[in-house]
Every structure is written in structure tokens, then in C-alpha cells.
C-alpha atoms as a PDB file:
ATOM      1  CA  MET A   1     160.980  13.180 -71.321  1.00  0.00           C
ATOM      2  CA  LEU A   2     157.499  12.310 -73.492  1.00  0.00           C
ATOM      3  CA  VAL A   3     154.694   9.239 -71.937  1.00  0.00           C
ATOM      4  CA  ILE A   4     151.718   8.056 -72.786  1.00  0.00           C
ATOM      5  CA  ARG A   5     149.941   5.918 -70.440  1.00  0.00           C
ATOM      6  CA  LYS A   6     146.651   3.808 -71.231  1.00  0.00           C
ATOM      7  CA  ALA A   7     144.202   2.563 -68.730  1.00  0.00           C
ATOM      8  CA  PRO A   8     140.857   1.461 -68.757  1.00  0.00           C
ATOM      9  CA  GLN A   9     138.003   2.970 -67.622  1.00  0.00           C
ATOM     10  CA  PRO A  10     135.127   0.986 -67.608  1.00  0.00           C
ATOM     11  CA  PRO A  11     132.344   0.227 -69.097  1.00  0.00           C
ATOM     12  CA  ASP A  12     134.139   0.541 -72.682  1.00  0.00           C
ATOM     13  CA  GLY A  13     136.520   3.423 -72.443  1.00  0.00           C
ATOM     14  CA  MET A  14     140.123   4.149 -72.443  1.00  0.00           C
ATOM     15  CA  LYS A  15     141.731   6.769 -70.989  1.00  0.00           C
ATOM     16  CA  VAL A  16     144.574   7.775 -72.031  1.00  0.00           C
ATOM     17  CA  THR A  17     147.445  10.323 -70.217  1.00  0.00           C
ATOM     18  CA  PHE A  18     149.950  12.845 -72.425  1.00  0.00           C
ATOM     19  CA  ALA A  19     153.018  13.885 -70.237  1.00  0.00           C
ATOM     20  CA  LEU A  20     156.133  15.377 -71.172  1.00  0.00           C
ATOM     21  CA  ALA A  21     158.765  17.140 -68.869  1.00  0.00           C
ATOM     22  CA  ASP A  22     157.570  20.588 -68.271  1.00  0.00           C
ATOM     23  CA  THR A  23     159.945  23.062 -70.107  1.00  0.00           C
ATOM     24  CA  GLY A  24     158.271  26.299 -69.040  1.00  0.00           C
ATOM     25  CA  GLN A  25     156.663  27.260 -72.136  1.00  0.00           C
ATOM     26  CA  PRO A  26     153.005  26.024 -72.909  1.00  0.00           C
ATOM     27  CA  VAL A  27     151.942  22.880 -74.435  1.00  0.00           C
ATOM     28  CA  SER A  28     148.499  21.655 -75.839  1.00  0.00           C
ATOM     29  CA  LEU A  29     147.513  18.251 -77.257  1.00  0.00           C
ATOM     30  CA  ILE A  30     146.025  18.702 -80.772  1.00  0.00           C
ATOM     31  CA  ALA A  31     144.395  15.726 -81.732  1.00  0.00           C
ATOM     32  CA  ASP A  32     141.541  14.316 -84.944  1.00  0.00           C
ATOM     33  CA  PHE A  33     139.475  13.526 -81.357  1.00  0.00           C
ATOM     34  CA  ASN A  34     139.358  17.648 -80.844  1.00  0.00           C
ATOM     35  CA  ALA A  35     138.996  18.921 -84.306  1.00  0.00           C
ATOM     36  CA  TRP A  36     142.819  19.646 -84.045  1.00  0.00           C
ATOM     37  CA  ASP A  37     141.410  23.023 -81.443  1.00  0.00           C
ATOM     38  CA  PRO A  38     144.946  24.136 -79.944  1.00  0.00           C
ATOM     39  CA  PHE A  39     142.572  25.166 -77.019  1.00  0.00           C
ATOM     40  CA  ALA A  40     140.829  22.253 -76.280  1.00  0.00           C
ATOM     41  CA  HIS A  41     143.532  20.681 -74.188  1.00  0.00           C
ATOM     42  CA  PRO A  42     146.029  22.201 -73.094  1.00  0.00           C
ATOM     43  CA  LEU A  43     148.515  20.342 -70.994  1.00  0.00           C
ATOM     44  CA  ARG A  44     148.225  21.571 -67.188  1.00  0.00           C
ATOM     45  CA  ARG A  45     151.609  22.174 -65.160  1.00  0.00           C
ATOM     46  CA  ARG A  46     152.251  19.227 -62.335  1.00  0.00           C
ATOM     47  CA  THR A  47     154.580  19.630 -59.600  1.00  0.00           C
ATOM     48  CA  ASN A  48     156.806  16.797 -60.419  1.00  0.00           C
ATOM     49  CA  GLY A  49     157.944  18.962 -63.130  1.00  0.00           C
ATOM     50  CA  THR A  50     155.600  17.663 -65.871  1.00  0.00           C
ATOM     51  CA  ARG A  51     152.666  18.788 -67.941  1.00  0.00           C
ATOM     52  CA  SER A  52     150.558  16.100 -68.908  1.00  0.00           C
ATOM     53  CA  VAL A  53     146.727  16.050 -70.093  1.00  0.00           C
ATOM     54  CA  ALA A  54     144.364  13.135 -69.770  1.00  0.00           C
ATOM     55  CA  VAL A  55     141.796  12.274 -72.477  1.00  0.00           C
ATOM     56  CA  VAL A  56     138.801   9.401 -72.284  1.00  0.00           C
ATOM     57  CA  LEU A  57     138.287   7.662 -75.650  1.00  0.00           C
ATOM     58  CA  PRO A  58     136.223   4.334 -76.735  1.00  0.00           C
ATOM     59  CA  VAL A  59     138.628   1.854 -76.991  1.00  0.00           C
ATOM     60  CA  GLY A  60     139.423   0.675 -80.544  1.00  0.00           C
ATOM     61  CA  THR A  61     139.996   3.676 -81.362  1.00  0.00           C
ATOM     62  CA  THR A  62     142.800   5.063 -83.629  1.00  0.00           C
ATOM     63  CA  ALA A  63     143.621   8.696 -82.513  1.00  0.00           C
ATOM     64  CA  ARG A  64     145.880  10.967 -84.870  1.00  0.00           C
ATOM     65  CA  PHE A  65     147.891  13.872 -82.241  1.00  0.00           C
ATOM     66  CA  ARG A  66     150.593  16.461 -81.953  1.00  0.00           C
ATOM     67  CA  TYR A  67     151.465  18.374 -79.462  1.00  0.00           C
ATOM     68  CA  LEU A  68     151.784  22.399 -80.351  1.00  0.00           C
ATOM     69  CA  ALA A  69     154.273  24.100 -78.917  1.00  0.00           C
ATOM     70  CA  ASP A  70     154.001  28.099 -77.566  1.00  0.00           C
ATOM     71  CA  GLY A  71     155.246  29.891 -80.846  1.00  0.00           C
ATOM     72  CA  GLY A  72     153.513  27.219 -83.138  1.00  0.00           C
ATOM     73  CA  ASP A  73     156.343  24.780 -83.166  1.00  0.00           C
ATOM     74  CA  PHE A  74     154.240  20.819 -83.503  1.00  0.00           C
ATOM     75  CA  PHE A  75     155.867  18.268 -82.301  1.00  0.00           C
ATOM     76  CA  ASP A  76     155.202  13.997 -82.523  1.00  0.00           C
ATOM     77  CA  ASP A  77     155.912  12.069 -79.290  1.00  0.00           C
ATOM     78  CA  PRO A  78     158.015   8.519 -79.697  1.00  0.00           C
ATOM     79  CA  ASP A  79     155.937   6.933 -77.363  1.00  0.00           C
ATOM     80  CA  GLY A  80     152.754   6.500 -79.617  1.00  0.00           C
ATOM     81  CA  ASP A  81     152.201   3.246 -81.831  1.00  0.00           C
ATOM     82  CA  ARG A  82     153.567   4.689 -84.920  1.00  0.00           C
ATOM     83  CA  LEU A  83     154.170   7.522 -86.912  1.00  0.00           C
ATOM     84  CA  GLU A  84     152.199   8.444 -90.444  1.00  0.00           C
ATOM     85  CA  PRO A  85     152.376  11.159 -92.714  1.00  0.00           C
ATOM     86  CA  ASN A  86     150.214  13.733 -92.133  1.00  0.00           C
ATOM     87  CA  GLY A  87     149.594  15.185 -95.253  1.00  0.00           C
ATOM     88  CA  TYR A  88     151.323  18.581 -94.754  1.00  0.00           C
ATOM     89  CA  GLY A  89     154.796  17.403 -95.450  1.00  0.00           C
ATOM     90  CA  SER A  90     155.499  16.292 -91.993  1.00  0.00           C
ATOM     91  CA  THR A  91     154.437  13.819 -89.846  1.00  0.00           C
ATOM     92  CA  HIS A  92     152.123  12.750 -86.753  1.00  0.00           C
ATOM     93  CA  THR A  93     151.559  10.226 -83.795  1.00  0.00           C
ATOM     94  CA  VAL A  94     149.289   7.416 -84.158  1.00  0.00           C
ATOM     95  CA  VAL A  95     147.939   5.472 -80.944  1.00  0.00           C
ATOM     96  CA  CYS A  96     145.731   2.564 -81.155  1.00  0.00           C
ATOM     97  CA  LEU A  97     143.547   1.788 -78.392  1.00  0.00           C
END
């Protein structure tokens, strides 16, 4: 289960929540908006069996991101708006706000 939820955040932002099923291992959101920093947005364990993190971005943003699991495994989110090549022989997810 991977989920991306978008909600308006007045005055001109969009709250984007990234959630996935908790597999028991740490996961971080790495993205162009956090300089691809694996420590900037770790997904927090929730009582409903998921991990999630929310960020507020300006409306009109096109954000590129991936998830980074413990052990160095990267993965994309099929709930994004599209996938695009990342220049390293793989892809990243794109979400448009």
C-alpha cells in the first residue's frame, strides 16, 4: 500500500502526505525539495500500521522523489502523477501540485 494525499494549505500551499505500509524497517522520503537528503523526511510509524510524512509545498510545484528503505533500497510510488528517468539508469516519481 502506497498513498499520496494532497490537501490545500492556505494561503497558497499544498499539504502532501506520503504514506506506505509499515514493513518494520525505516524509510525516508528523498526529494528535490529536500536536496535528496535521507535524514530530512523520515516516515514516522503510525498506530494504523503505516508510516507517513507530510510536507507543505507551493501550489504549482512539480516535485520529484523516491523512497529510501533501510539498507539502501530505493523505490518509486505508483500513486504519483508519473515516473520519469532520473539520469542514473532508474526512475523517480513525479507529483504535480
